[in-house]
């Protein structure tokens, strides 16, 4: 009985952690102005976050982080993404992880 309780507590903790990460990613996307060009589920100026998650894997995280930081073209077409030099490395990593998880 004790092991069932411990398992339930651990599972609940994981759900809270995943939920907090998802909320952090969505909050950052809004706060940093990302939603001006991107949407979760449809193309705006840039691709939807769900389309990025379908095309890319966690192995592409470093490349996407660099693209967010430096901006440029060539990942999803010729419309340039402006550089985001004022966004911290930690925030960029959180944003990219959230996008690669399907922006949920």
N, C-alpha and C. Protein backbone atom coordinates (compact mmCIF):
# COMPACT_ATOMS: atom_id res chain seq x y z
N UNK A 1 0.82 -1.19 0.00
CA UNK A 1 0.00 0.00 0.00
C UNK A 1 0.86 1.26 0.00
N UNK A 2 1.94 1.20 0.78
CA UNK A 2 2.84 2.34 0.86
C UNK A 2 3.48 2.64 -0.51
N UNK A 3 3.86 1.62 -1.27
CA UNK A 3 4.48 1.83 -2.58
C UNK A 3 3.48 2.42 -3.58
N UNK A 4 2.21 2.07 -3.45
CA UNK A 4 1.19 2.64 -4.33
C UNK A 4 1.06 4.14 -4.06
N UNK A 5 1.06 4.50 -2.78
CA UNK A 5 0.95 5.91 -2.40
C UNK A 5 2.16 6.70 -2.92
N UNK A 6 3.34 6.13 -2.75
CA UNK A 6 4.57 6.81 -3.21
C UNK A 6 4.53 6.98 -4.73
N UNK A 7 4.09 5.94 -5.45
CA UNK A 7 3.99 6.03 -6.90
C UNK A 7 3.01 7.12 -7.32
N UNK A 8 1.90 7.22 -6.61
CA UNK A 8 0.91 8.24 -6.93
C UNK A 8 1.46 9.65 -6.70
N UNK A 9 2.20 9.82 -5.63
CA UNK A 9 2.80 11.12 -5.33
C UNK A 9 3.83 11.50 -6.40
N UNK A 10 4.65 10.55 -6.80
CA UNK A 10 5.65 10.81 -7.84
C UNK A 10 4.97 11.15 -9.16
N UNK A 11 3.95 10.41 -9.53
CA UNK A 11 3.23 10.69 -10.77
C UNK A 11 2.59 12.07 -10.75
N UNK A 12 2.00 12.44 -9.63
CA UNK A 12 1.39 13.77 -9.50
C UNK A 12 2.46 14.86 -9.63
N UNK A 13 3.62 14.64 -9.04
CA UNK A 13 4.71 15.60 -9.15
C UNK A 13 5.17 15.77 -10.58
N UNK A 14 5.24 14.69 -11.33
CA UNK A 14 5.64 14.77 -12.73
C UNK A 14 4.61 15.54 -13.54
N UNK A 15 3.34 15.32 -13.29
CA UNK A 15 2.29 16.04 -14.01
C UNK A 15 2.35 17.53 -13.72
N UNK A 16 2.58 17.90 -12.48
CA UNK A 16 2.70 19.31 -12.13
C UNK A 16 3.91 19.92 -12.81
N UNK A 17 5.02 19.19 -12.86
CA UNK A 17 6.24 19.67 -13.49
C UNK A 17 6.03 19.90 -14.98
N UNK A 18 5.41 18.95 -15.67
CA UNK A 18 5.15 19.06 -17.11
C UNK A 18 4.20 20.22 -17.36
N UNK A 19 3.17 20.34 -16.53
CA UNK A 19 2.20 21.42 -16.68
C UNK A 19 2.88 22.78 -16.48
N UNK A 20 3.74 22.88 -15.50
CA UNK A 20 4.45 24.14 -15.24
C UNK A 20 5.37 24.49 -16.39
N UNK A 21 6.04 23.50 -16.98
CA UNK A 21 6.93 23.75 -18.11
C UNK A 21 6.12 24.24 -19.30
N UNK A 22 4.96 23.62 -19.56
CA UNK A 22 4.12 24.03 -20.67
C UNK A 22 3.64 25.46 -20.48
N UNK A 23 3.22 25.77 -19.26
CA UNK A 23 2.75 27.12 -18.96
C UNK A 23 3.89 28.13 -19.12
N UNK A 24 5.09 27.76 -18.68
CA UNK A 24 6.25 28.65 -18.81
C UNK A 24 6.54 28.94 -20.27
N UNK A 25 6.49 27.93 -21.13
CA UNK A 25 6.75 28.12 -22.56
C UNK A 25 5.72 29.03 -23.19
N UNK A 26 4.46 28.80 -22.90
CA UNK A 26 3.40 29.63 -23.46
C UNK A 26 3.51 31.06 -22.95
N UNK A 27 3.79 31.21 -21.67
CA UNK A 27 3.93 32.55 -21.09
C UNK A 27 5.11 33.29 -21.70
N UNK A 28 6.23 32.59 -21.91
CA UNK A 28 7.40 33.21 -22.53
C UNK A 28 7.12 33.63 -23.97
N UNK A 29 6.44 32.76 -24.72
CA UNK A 29 6.12 33.10 -26.12
C UNK A 29 5.30 34.38 -26.18
N UNK A 30 4.39 34.52 -25.26
CA UNK A 30 3.56 35.74 -25.22
C UNK A 30 4.40 36.94 -24.77
N UNK A 31 5.16 36.77 -23.70
CA UNK A 31 5.93 37.88 -23.14
C UNK A 31 7.04 38.38 -24.07
N UNK A 32 7.63 37.49 -24.83
CA UNK A 32 8.76 37.86 -25.69
C UNK A 32 8.33 38.27 -27.09
N UNK A 33 7.03 38.31 -27.35
CA UNK A 33 6.54 38.78 -28.65
C UNK A 33 6.53 37.74 -29.75
N UNK A 34 6.77 36.49 -29.41
CA UNK A 34 6.84 35.43 -30.43
C UNK A 34 5.50 35.24 -31.14
N UNK A 35 4.41 35.49 -30.42
CA UNK A 35 3.08 35.25 -30.98
C UNK A 35 2.66 36.30 -32.01
N UNK A 36 3.49 37.31 -32.20
CA UNK A 36 3.23 38.27 -33.26
C UNK A 36 3.44 37.67 -34.64
N UNK A 37 4.32 36.67 -34.73
CA UNK A 37 4.62 36.03 -36.02
C UNK A 37 4.29 34.54 -36.04
N UNK A 38 4.13 33.93 -34.88
CA UNK A 38 3.86 32.50 -34.79
C UNK A 38 2.59 32.25 -34.00
N UNK A 39 1.91 31.17 -34.32
CA UNK A 39 0.76 30.71 -33.55
C UNK A 39 1.00 29.24 -33.22
N UNK A 40 0.29 28.74 -32.25
CA UNK A 40 0.46 27.33 -31.88
C UNK A 40 0.03 26.41 -33.01
N UNK A 41 -1.12 26.70 -33.64
CA UNK A 41 -1.72 25.74 -34.55
C UNK A 41 -1.95 26.20 -35.98
N UNK A 42 -1.48 27.40 -36.33
CA UNK A 42 -1.64 27.85 -37.72
C UNK A 42 -0.48 28.75 -38.12
N UNK A 43 -0.20 28.77 -39.41
CA UNK A 43 0.88 29.60 -39.94
C UNK A 43 0.44 31.05 -39.91
N UNK A 44 1.30 31.90 -39.43
CA UNK A 44 1.09 33.34 -39.54
C UNK A 44 2.20 33.85 -40.46
N UNK A 45 3.06 34.70 -39.99
CA UNK A 45 4.24 35.11 -40.76
C UNK A 45 5.22 33.94 -40.79
N UNK A 46 5.41 33.33 -39.64
CA UNK A 46 6.27 32.15 -39.52
C UNK A 46 5.42 30.90 -39.35
N UNK A 47 6.06 29.75 -39.29
CA UNK A 47 5.32 28.49 -39.17
C UNK A 47 4.65 28.37 -37.81
N UNK A 48 3.62 27.52 -37.75
CA UNK A 48 3.01 27.24 -36.45
C UNK A 48 3.99 26.42 -35.62
N UNK A 49 3.85 26.53 -34.32
CA UNK A 49 4.72 25.76 -33.44
C UNK A 49 4.47 24.26 -33.61
N UNK A 50 3.23 23.88 -33.87
CA UNK A 50 2.95 22.46 -34.09
C UNK A 50 3.60 21.94 -35.36
N UNK A 51 3.68 22.78 -36.41
CA UNK A 51 4.38 22.37 -37.63
C UNK A 51 5.88 22.21 -37.39
N UNK A 52 6.45 23.09 -36.57
CA UNK A 52 7.87 22.96 -36.22
C UNK A 52 8.09 21.64 -35.49
N UNK A 53 7.21 21.32 -34.54
CA UNK A 53 7.34 20.09 -33.77
C UNK A 53 7.21 18.85 -34.65
N UNK A 54 6.41 18.94 -35.71
CA UNK A 54 6.27 17.80 -36.64
C UNK A 54 7.52 17.61 -37.49
N UNK A 55 8.19 18.70 -37.84
CA UNK A 55 9.33 18.65 -38.74
C UNK A 55 10.66 18.42 -38.01
N UNK A 56 10.76 18.89 -36.77
CA UNK A 56 12.03 18.86 -36.04
C UNK A 56 11.96 17.92 -34.85
N UNK A 57 13.14 17.51 -34.38
CA UNK A 57 13.24 16.66 -33.20
C UNK A 57 14.09 17.37 -32.15
N UNK A 58 14.19 16.76 -31.00
CA UNK A 58 15.02 17.34 -29.93
C UNK A 58 16.48 17.44 -30.37
N UNK A 59 16.88 16.64 -31.34
CA UNK A 59 18.25 16.73 -31.87
C UNK A 59 18.49 18.06 -32.59
N UNK A 60 17.42 18.72 -33.00
CA UNK A 60 17.52 20.02 -33.69
C UNK A 60 17.48 21.20 -32.73
N UNK A 61 17.41 20.94 -31.44
CA UNK A 61 17.23 22.02 -30.46
C UNK A 61 18.32 23.08 -30.55
N UNK A 62 19.57 22.68 -30.62
CA UNK A 62 20.67 23.65 -30.66
C UNK A 62 20.57 24.54 -31.90
N UNK A 63 20.23 23.97 -33.03
CA UNK A 63 20.10 24.74 -34.27
C UNK A 63 18.95 25.74 -34.13
N UNK A 64 17.82 25.30 -33.57
CA UNK A 64 16.68 26.19 -33.39
C UNK A 64 16.98 27.30 -32.37
N UNK A 65 17.67 26.95 -31.31
CA UNK A 65 18.06 27.95 -30.31
C UNK A 65 18.93 29.03 -30.94
N UNK A 66 19.89 28.62 -31.77
CA UNK A 66 20.76 29.59 -32.45
C UNK A 66 19.94 30.46 -33.40
N UNK A 67 18.98 29.87 -34.09
CA UNK A 67 18.16 30.63 -35.04
C UNK A 67 17.29 31.64 -34.30
N UNK A 68 16.76 31.26 -33.15
CA UNK A 68 15.96 32.20 -32.36
C UNK A 68 16.84 33.36 -31.90
N UNK A 69 18.03 33.05 -31.43
CA UNK A 69 18.94 34.09 -30.91
C UNK A 69 19.42 35.04 -32.02
N UNK A 70 19.89 34.46 -33.14
CA UNK A 70 20.52 35.27 -34.19
C UNK A 70 19.56 35.72 -35.28
N UNK A 71 18.40 35.05 -35.39
CA UNK A 71 17.46 35.36 -36.47
C UNK A 71 17.96 34.82 -37.79
N UNK A 72 17.35 35.26 -38.88
CA UNK A 72 17.77 34.86 -40.21
C UNK A 72 16.70 34.12 -40.98
N UNK A 73 17.10 33.52 -42.08
CA UNK A 73 16.18 32.80 -42.95
C UNK A 73 16.71 31.40 -43.18
N UNK A 74 15.94 30.64 -43.94
CA UNK A 74 16.43 29.35 -44.39
C UNK A 74 15.92 28.14 -43.64
N UNK A 75 15.31 28.32 -42.48
CA UNK A 75 14.78 27.16 -41.78
C UNK A 75 13.38 26.84 -42.30
N UNK A 76 12.56 27.87 -42.49
CA UNK A 76 11.18 27.67 -42.96
C UNK A 76 10.81 28.62 -44.08
N UNK A 77 11.75 29.03 -44.87
CA UNK A 77 11.43 29.92 -45.97
C UNK A 77 12.32 31.15 -45.96
N UNK A 78 11.95 32.11 -46.77
CA UNK A 78 12.80 33.28 -46.95
C UNK A 78 12.36 34.52 -46.19
N UNK A 79 11.28 34.45 -45.43
CA UNK A 79 10.90 35.58 -44.60
C UNK A 79 11.80 35.55 -43.37
N UNK A 80 12.59 36.60 -43.15
CA UNK A 80 13.55 36.56 -42.06
C UNK A 80 12.90 36.69 -40.68
N UNK A 81 13.43 35.93 -39.75
CA UNK A 81 13.05 36.10 -38.35
C UNK A 81 14.06 37.06 -37.75
N UNK A 82 13.59 38.09 -37.06
CA UNK A 82 14.54 39.03 -36.47
C UNK A 82 15.33 38.38 -35.34
N UNK A 83 16.52 38.87 -35.07
CA UNK A 83 17.29 38.34 -33.94
C UNK A 83 16.61 38.66 -32.62
N UNK A 84 16.82 37.81 -31.65
CA UNK A 84 16.25 37.98 -30.32
C UNK A 84 17.36 38.01 -29.28
N UNK A 85 18.31 38.90 -29.48
CA UNK A 85 19.49 38.97 -28.62
C UNK A 85 19.15 39.33 -27.18
N UNK A 86 18.01 39.98 -26.95
CA UNK A 86 17.64 40.38 -25.59
C UNK A 86 16.99 39.24 -24.80
N UNK A 87 16.69 38.14 -25.46
CA UNK A 87 16.09 37.00 -24.77
C UNK A 87 17.22 36.14 -24.20
N UNK A 88 17.12 35.79 -22.93
CA UNK A 88 18.19 35.03 -22.28
C UNK A 88 18.32 33.63 -22.87
N UNK A 89 19.50 33.06 -22.74
CA UNK A 89 19.74 31.69 -23.21
C UNK A 89 18.77 30.72 -22.55
N UNK A 90 18.55 30.90 -21.24
CA UNK A 90 17.63 30.00 -20.51
C UNK A 90 16.21 30.10 -21.06
N UNK A 91 15.76 31.33 -21.35
CA UNK A 91 14.42 31.49 -21.91
C UNK A 91 14.32 30.89 -23.31
N UNK A 92 15.36 31.05 -24.11
CA UNK A 92 15.36 30.46 -25.45
C UNK A 92 15.29 28.94 -25.35
N UNK A 93 16.05 28.35 -24.45
CA UNK A 93 16.01 26.90 -24.27
C UNK A 93 14.60 26.44 -23.85
N UNK A 94 13.97 27.19 -22.95
CA UNK A 94 12.61 26.85 -22.52
C UNK A 94 11.63 26.96 -23.67
N UNK A 95 11.73 28.04 -24.45
CA UNK A 95 10.85 28.22 -25.60
C UNK A 95 11.00 27.11 -26.63
N UNK A 96 12.24 26.79 -26.98
CA UNK A 96 12.49 25.75 -27.98
C UNK A 96 12.01 24.39 -27.47
N UNK A 97 12.25 24.07 -26.21
CA UNK A 97 11.77 22.79 -25.66
C UNK A 97 10.26 22.73 -25.71
N UNK A 98 9.59 23.83 -25.38
CA UNK A 98 8.14 23.88 -25.43
C UNK A 98 7.63 23.68 -26.86
N UNK A 99 8.26 24.33 -27.81
CA UNK A 99 7.86 24.18 -29.22
C UNK A 99 8.07 22.74 -29.67
N UNK A 100 9.22 22.16 -29.37
CA UNK A 100 9.50 20.78 -29.80
C UNK A 100 8.58 19.77 -29.13
N UNK A 101 8.02 20.12 -27.98
CA UNK A 101 7.03 19.26 -27.32
C UNK A 101 5.62 19.47 -27.86
N UNK A 102 5.50 20.24 -28.92
CA UNK A 102 4.22 20.45 -29.56
C UNK A 102 3.48 21.69 -29.10
N UNK A 103 4.15 22.54 -28.31
CA UNK A 103 3.56 23.78 -27.81
C UNK A 103 2.25 23.51 -27.09
N UNK A 104 2.28 22.52 -26.23
CA UNK A 104 1.07 22.15 -25.48
C UNK A 104 1.09 22.74 -24.11
